[in-house]
Amino acid sequence: MNVALAADATVAPIEVAVRVSGETLAPSLAISTPAAVSEYNSISATTLVDVPAGCCTQISLANVGPSAIDTQNVDLIVERVA
């Protein structure tokens, strides 16, 4: 995913993480420190989410940093592992 600070933000690290049912997964945290606002950087993270058979869960990507961000080319790939 490509991330940049929003045009009206102050330069600060960008922090994005995977959330499962609203809970942030700390191992999935991806941090990027841009030199300027509106400067896109590429970040990625990989994590395993255990979902019991016959059940379901909610998976999302969240901006967990202090600044507003813009994103491009966001891909969330889900694989079933038996």
N, C-alpha and C. Protein backbone atom coordinates (compact mmCIF):
# COMPACT_ATOMS: atom_id res chain seq x y z
N MET A 1 0.84 -1.15 0.00
CA MET A 1 0.00 0.00 0.00
C MET A 1 0.89 1.22 0.00
N ASN A 2 0.47 2.25 -0.67
CA ASN A 2 1.19 3.52 -0.68
C ASN A 2 0.49 4.47 0.28
N VAL A 3 1.28 5.11 1.15
CA VAL A 3 0.72 6.03 2.13
C VAL A 3 1.46 7.36 2.10
N ALA A 4 0.72 8.42 2.41
CA ALA A 4 1.32 9.76 2.50
C ALA A 4 0.56 10.53 3.55
N LEU A 5 1.22 11.49 4.15
CA LEU A 5 0.54 12.38 5.07
C LEU A 5 -0.42 13.26 4.27
N ALA A 6 -1.59 13.52 4.83
CA ALA A 6 -2.56 14.40 4.18
C ALA A 6 -1.94 15.79 4.04
N ALA A 7 -2.41 16.55 3.07
CA ALA A 7 -1.83 17.86 2.76
C ALA A 7 -1.82 18.82 3.94
N ASP A 8 -2.79 18.70 4.85
CA ASP A 8 -2.86 19.62 5.99
C ASP A 8 -2.23 19.04 7.26
N ALA A 9 -1.52 17.92 7.15
CA ALA A 9 -0.92 17.27 8.32
C ALA A 9 0.47 17.83 8.61
N THR A 10 0.94 17.57 9.81
CA THR A 10 2.31 17.90 10.21
C THR A 10 3.18 16.68 9.96
N VAL A 11 4.41 16.88 9.52
CA VAL A 11 5.30 15.74 9.25
C VAL A 11 5.51 14.94 10.53
N ALA A 12 5.18 13.66 10.44
CA ALA A 12 5.30 12.72 11.56
C ALA A 12 5.26 11.32 10.98
N PRO A 13 5.70 10.31 11.75
CA PRO A 13 5.63 8.94 11.24
C PRO A 13 4.19 8.52 10.94
N ILE A 14 4.04 7.72 9.89
CA ILE A 14 2.75 7.13 9.52
C ILE A 14 2.74 5.72 10.10
N GLU A 15 1.67 5.37 10.81
CA GLU A 15 1.56 4.05 11.43
C GLU A 15 0.24 3.41 10.99
N VAL A 16 0.35 2.23 10.34
CA VAL A 16 -0.82 1.51 9.86
C VAL A 16 -0.71 0.08 10.39
N ALA A 17 -1.86 -0.50 10.80
CA ALA A 17 -1.85 -1.86 11.33
C ALA A 17 -3.12 -2.60 10.93
N VAL A 18 -3.06 -3.92 11.01
CA VAL A 18 -4.23 -4.77 10.79
C VAL A 18 -5.03 -4.83 12.09
N ARG A 19 -6.34 -4.75 11.96
CA ARG A 19 -7.23 -4.91 13.12
C ARG A 19 -8.13 -6.11 12.87
N VAL A 20 -8.33 -6.90 13.92
CA VAL A 20 -9.23 -8.05 13.87
C VAL A 20 -10.31 -7.82 14.92
N SER A 21 -11.55 -7.68 14.46
CA SER A 21 -12.68 -7.39 15.34
C SER A 21 -12.39 -6.18 16.22
N GLY A 22 -11.76 -5.17 15.64
CA GLY A 22 -11.49 -3.92 16.35
C GLY A 22 -10.22 -3.90 17.17
N GLU A 23 -9.56 -5.04 17.34
CA GLU A 23 -8.32 -5.13 18.12
C GLU A 23 -7.11 -5.00 17.19
N THR A 24 -6.22 -4.07 17.48
CA THR A 24 -5.02 -3.89 16.68
C THR A 24 -4.04 -5.02 16.94
N LEU A 25 -3.53 -5.63 15.87
CA LEU A 25 -2.52 -6.68 16.00
C LEU A 25 -1.15 -6.01 15.96
N ALA A 26 -0.47 -5.94 17.10
CA ALA A 26 0.82 -5.25 17.20
C ALA A 26 1.85 -5.78 16.20
N PRO A 27 1.95 -7.10 15.96
CA PRO A 27 2.96 -7.57 15.00
C PRO A 27 2.73 -7.09 13.56
N SER A 28 1.54 -6.59 13.26
CA SER A 28 1.25 -6.16 11.89
C SER A 28 1.55 -4.67 11.67
N LEU A 29 2.06 -3.97 12.68
CA LEU A 29 2.31 -2.54 12.58
C LEU A 29 3.36 -2.23 11.51
N ALA A 30 3.02 -1.33 10.60
CA ALA A 30 3.95 -0.86 9.57
C ALA A 30 4.14 0.64 9.76
N ILE A 31 5.39 1.07 9.81
CA ILE A 31 5.70 2.48 10.07
C ILE A 31 6.52 3.05 8.91
N SER A 32 6.15 4.24 8.48
CA SER A 32 6.88 4.95 7.43
C SER A 32 7.06 6.40 7.89
N THR A 33 8.25 6.96 7.69
CA THR A 33 8.50 8.35 8.07
C THR A 33 8.82 9.15 6.81
N PRO A 34 7.82 9.84 6.27
CA PRO A 34 8.04 10.63 5.05
C PRO A 34 8.82 11.92 5.34
N ALA A 35 9.47 12.45 4.33
CA ALA A 35 10.22 13.69 4.47
C ALA A 35 9.31 14.92 4.39
N ALA A 36 8.15 14.75 3.74
CA ALA A 36 7.24 15.88 3.55
C ALA A 36 5.81 15.36 3.40
N VAL A 37 4.84 16.25 3.56
CA VAL A 37 3.45 15.87 3.36
C VAL A 37 3.22 15.56 1.88
N SER A 38 2.23 14.74 1.59
CA SER A 38 1.86 14.34 0.23
C SER A 38 2.97 13.58 -0.50
N GLU A 39 3.95 13.07 0.22
CA GLU A 39 5.03 12.26 -0.36
C GLU A 39 4.72 10.79 -0.06
N TYR A 40 4.41 10.02 -1.10
CA TYR A 40 3.99 8.63 -0.91
C TYR A 40 5.17 7.70 -0.68
N ASN A 41 4.98 6.77 0.25
CA ASN A 41 5.93 5.70 0.54
C ASN A 41 5.17 4.39 0.50
N SER A 42 5.88 3.32 0.22
CA SER A 42 5.27 2.00 0.16
C SER A 42 5.50 1.27 1.49
N ILE A 43 4.43 0.68 2.04
CA ILE A 43 4.55 -0.12 3.26
C ILE A 43 3.77 -1.42 3.07
N SER A 44 4.14 -2.43 3.86
CA SER A 44 3.41 -3.69 3.81
C SER A 44 3.57 -4.41 5.14
N ALA A 45 2.66 -5.35 5.38
CA ALA A 45 2.72 -6.18 6.58
C ALA A 45 2.06 -7.51 6.27
N THR A 46 2.51 -8.54 6.96
CA THR A 46 1.93 -9.86 6.80
C THR A 46 1.59 -10.39 8.18
N THR A 47 0.42 -10.98 8.32
CA THR A 47 0.02 -11.54 9.61
C THR A 47 -0.91 -12.72 9.39
N LEU A 48 -0.97 -13.60 10.37
CA LEU A 48 -1.87 -14.76 10.32
C LEU A 48 -3.01 -14.51 11.29
N VAL A 49 -4.24 -14.65 10.80
CA VAL A 49 -5.44 -14.48 11.63
C VAL A 49 -6.12 -15.84 11.71
N ASP A 50 -6.24 -16.37 12.91
CA ASP A 50 -6.86 -17.67 13.13
C ASP A 50 -8.37 -17.49 13.29
N VAL A 51 -9.14 -18.08 12.38
CA VAL A 51 -10.60 -18.02 12.44
C VAL A 51 -11.11 -19.46 12.54
N PRO A 52 -11.78 -19.82 13.64
CA PRO A 52 -12.27 -21.19 13.80
C PRO A 52 -13.24 -21.58 12.67
N ALA A 53 -13.23 -22.87 12.32
CA ALA A 53 -14.12 -23.37 11.27
C ALA A 53 -15.57 -23.05 11.60
N GLY A 54 -16.32 -22.64 10.59
CA GLY A 54 -17.73 -22.32 10.77
C GLY A 54 -17.97 -20.97 11.42
N CYS A 55 -16.92 -20.18 11.60
CA CYS A 55 -17.06 -18.88 12.28
C CYS A 55 -16.66 -17.77 11.30
N CYS A 56 -16.67 -16.58 11.76
CA CYS A 56 -16.29 -15.44 10.94
C CYS A 56 -15.63 -14.39 11.81
N THR A 57 -14.99 -13.43 11.17
CA THR A 57 -14.36 -12.33 11.90
C THR A 57 -14.28 -11.11 10.98
N GLN A 58 -14.03 -9.97 11.56
CA GLN A 58 -13.90 -8.72 10.79
C GLN A 58 -12.43 -8.34 10.75
N ILE A 59 -11.90 -8.13 9.55
CA ILE A 59 -10.50 -7.74 9.37
C ILE A 59 -10.48 -6.39 8.67
N SER A 60 -9.65 -5.47 9.19
CA SER A 60 -9.56 -4.15 8.58
C SER A 60 -8.13 -3.62 8.70
N LEU A 61 -7.83 -2.59 7.93
CA LEU A 61 -6.57 -1.87 8.04
C LEU A 61 -6.88 -0.53 8.70
N ALA A 62 -6.04 -0.12 9.65
CA ALA A 62 -6.34 1.10 10.40
C ALA A 62 -5.13 2.02 10.48
N ASN A 63 -5.39 3.31 10.42
CA ASN A 63 -4.37 4.32 10.68
C ASN A 63 -4.30 4.45 12.20
N VAL A 64 -3.23 3.97 12.81
CA VAL A 64 -3.11 4.03 14.27
C VAL A 64 -2.15 5.12 14.71
N GLY A 65 -1.69 5.93 13.78
CA GLY A 65 -0.79 7.05 14.09
C GLY A 65 -1.55 8.32 14.40
N PRO A 66 -0.83 9.38 14.75
CA PRO A 66 -1.46 10.63 15.15
C PRO A 66 -1.92 11.53 14.01
N SER A 67 -1.44 11.28 12.79
CA SER A 67 -1.72 12.18 11.66
C SER A 67 -2.71 11.60 10.67
N ALA A 68 -3.42 12.48 9.98
CA ALA A 68 -4.31 12.06 8.90
C ALA A 68 -3.45 11.62 7.72
N ILE A 69 -3.90 10.56 7.01
CA ILE A 69 -3.12 10.04 5.88
C ILE A 69 -3.99 9.88 4.65
N ASP A 70 -3.32 9.79 3.50
CA ASP A 70 -3.94 9.43 2.23
C ASP A 70 -3.34 8.09 1.82
N THR A 71 -4.13 7.25 1.15
CA THR A 71 -3.64 5.95 0.71
C THR A 71 -3.92 5.74 -0.77
N GLN A 72 -3.11 4.87 -1.39
CA GLN A 72 -3.30 4.46 -2.78
C GLN A 72 -2.95 2.98 -2.87
N ASN A 73 -3.59 2.29 -3.80
CA ASN A 73 -3.25 0.90 -4.11
C ASN A 73 -3.25 0.00 -2.87
N VAL A 74 -4.31 0.06 -2.10
CA VAL A 74 -4.43 -0.76 -0.90
C VAL A 74 -4.96 -2.14 -1.29
N ASP A 75 -4.20 -3.18 -0.95
CA ASP A 75 -4.60 -4.56 -1.23
C ASP A 75 -4.61 -5.34 0.07
N LEU A 76 -5.68 -6.08 0.28
CA LEU A 76 -5.78 -6.97 1.42
C LEU A 76 -6.01 -8.36 0.85
N ILE A 77 -5.05 -9.24 1.03
CA ILE A 77 -5.12 -10.59 0.47
C ILE A 77 -5.46 -11.56 1.58
N VAL A 78 -6.50 -12.36 1.37
CA VAL A 78 -6.93 -13.35 2.35
C VAL A 78 -6.75 -14.72 1.74
N GLU A 79 -6.05 -15.60 2.47
CA GLU A 79 -5.83 -16.97 2.03
C GLU A 79 -6.39 -17.92 3.05
N ARG A 80 -7.07 -18.94 2.58
CA ARG A 80 -7.56 -19.97 3.49
C ARG A 80 -6.48 -21.03 3.64
N VAL A 81 -6.09 -21.30 4.87
CA VAL A 81 -5.09 -22.31 5.15
C VAL A 81 -5.78 -23.43 5.91
N ALA A 82 -5.78 -24.62 5.33
CA ALA A 82 -6.49 -25.74 5.96
C ALA A 82 -5.62 -26.41 6.99
